Protein backbone atom coordinates (compact mmCIF):
# COMPACT_ATOMS: atom_id res chain seq x y z
CA UNK A 1 -57.24 31.24 -30.96
CA UNK A 2 -58.83 31.55 -27.59
CA UNK A 3 -58.28 35.28 -26.96
CA UNK A 4 -61.65 36.41 -28.32
CA UNK A 5 -63.51 33.43 -26.84
CA UNK A 6 -61.97 33.96 -23.38
CA UNK A 7 -62.70 37.68 -23.50
CA UNK A 8 -66.33 37.01 -24.47
CA UNK A 9 -66.67 34.44 -21.66
CA UNK A 10 -65.26 36.81 -19.04
CA UNK A 11 -67.46 39.65 -20.21
CA UNK A 12 -70.53 37.42 -20.21
CA UNK A 13 -69.83 36.02 -16.73
CA UNK A 14 -69.45 39.43 -15.20
CA UNK A 15 -72.05 41.20 -17.32
CA UNK A 16 -69.46 43.63 -18.65
CA UNK A 17 -69.38 45.39 -21.96
CA UNK A 18 -66.11 46.63 -23.43
CA UNK A 19 -65.62 48.80 -26.44
CA UNK A 20 -62.81 47.45 -28.61
CA UNK A 21 -61.61 51.02 -29.01
CA UNK A 22 -60.78 51.07 -25.29
CA UNK A 23 -58.24 48.25 -25.58
CA UNK A 24 -54.67 49.53 -25.41
CA UNK A 25 -52.74 46.33 -24.63
CA UNK A 26 -53.54 42.86 -25.95
CA UNK A 27 -51.63 39.69 -25.03
CA UNK A 28 -51.83 36.54 -27.10
CA UNK A 29 -50.26 33.32 -25.83
CA UNK A 30 -49.57 30.17 -27.82
CA UNK A 31 -49.85 31.75 -31.28
CA UNK A 32 -48.87 29.14 -33.87
CA UNK A 33 -49.95 30.83 -37.12
CA UNK A 34 -53.05 28.77 -37.87
CA UNK A 35 -55.43 30.40 -40.35
CA UNK A 36 -58.04 31.06 -37.66
CA UNK A 37 -55.45 32.71 -35.41
CA UNK A 38 -54.17 34.94 -38.21
CA UNK A 39 -57.75 35.95 -39.11
CA UNK A 40 -58.44 36.91 -35.48
CA UNK A 41 -55.23 38.94 -35.18
CA UNK A 42 -56.05 40.65 -38.48
CA UNK A 43 -59.49 41.50 -37.10
CA UNK A 44 -58.00 42.88 -33.86
CA UNK A 45 -55.54 45.04 -35.80
CA UNK A 46 -58.26 46.32 -38.12
CA UNK A 47 -60.79 47.13 -35.38
CA UNK A 48 -58.76 48.30 -32.36
CA UNK A 49 -58.08 51.93 -33.13
CA UNK A 50 -56.27 52.76 -29.87
CA UNK A 51 -54.27 49.55 -29.50
CA UNK A 52 -50.75 50.52 -28.42
CA UNK A 53 -49.08 47.20 -27.61
CA UNK A 54 -49.74 43.70 -28.88
CA UNK A 55 -47.72 41.08 -27.00
CA UNK A 56 -47.53 37.80 -28.88
CA UNK A 57 -46.05 34.58 -27.53
CA UNK A 58 -45.27 32.45 -30.57
CA UNK A 59 -45.36 28.69 -30.17
CA UNK A 60 -43.12 27.55 -33.04
CA UNK A 61 -39.54 26.66 -33.94
CA UNK A 62 -37.03 29.39 -34.82
CA UNK A 63 -37.50 29.35 -38.61
CA UNK A 64 -41.29 29.33 -38.45
CA UNK A 65 -41.23 31.87 -35.61
CA UNK A 66 -39.28 34.33 -37.78
CA UNK A 67 -41.73 33.86 -40.68
CA UNK A 68 -44.70 34.43 -38.35
CA UNK A 69 -43.13 37.58 -36.89
CA UNK A 70 -42.54 38.99 -40.37
CA UNK A 71 -46.09 38.11 -41.38
CA UNK A 72 -47.60 39.79 -38.30
CA UNK A 73 -45.49 42.91 -38.80
CA UNK A 74 -46.72 43.18 -42.41
CA UNK A 75 -50.43 43.10 -41.52
CA UNK A 76 -52.34 46.37 -41.93
CA UNK A 77 -53.34 48.04 -38.67
CA UNK A 78 -55.70 50.78 -37.65
CA UNK A 79 -53.54 52.19 -34.85
CA UNK A 80 -50.52 54.19 -35.95
CA UNK A 81 -49.04 53.91 -32.44
CA UNK A 82 -49.07 50.11 -32.26
CA UNK A 83 -45.89 48.25 -31.30
CA UNK A 84 -45.47 44.52 -31.25
CA UNK A 85 -43.67 42.65 -28.49
CA UNK A 86 -42.80 39.05 -29.24
CA UNK A 87 -42.41 36.84 -26.20
């Protein structure tokens, strides 16, 4: 998934540093459930203590989309206030 790579690139280009605990909203586009994508989402959920909203655009057919939604909802998360929005 490109979310982490894009964030790193933006931060590097502008010389910024962001604490993952400052992130409250995270948007992911084109999520298809590949192992690497699931690992990255799992990492975000585990590390982002103050994450309030995770917006996920799922790129899959209806049956697979439902399975992916259920899988994402079942992942452990650090933030007790987190809500998912599926686009």
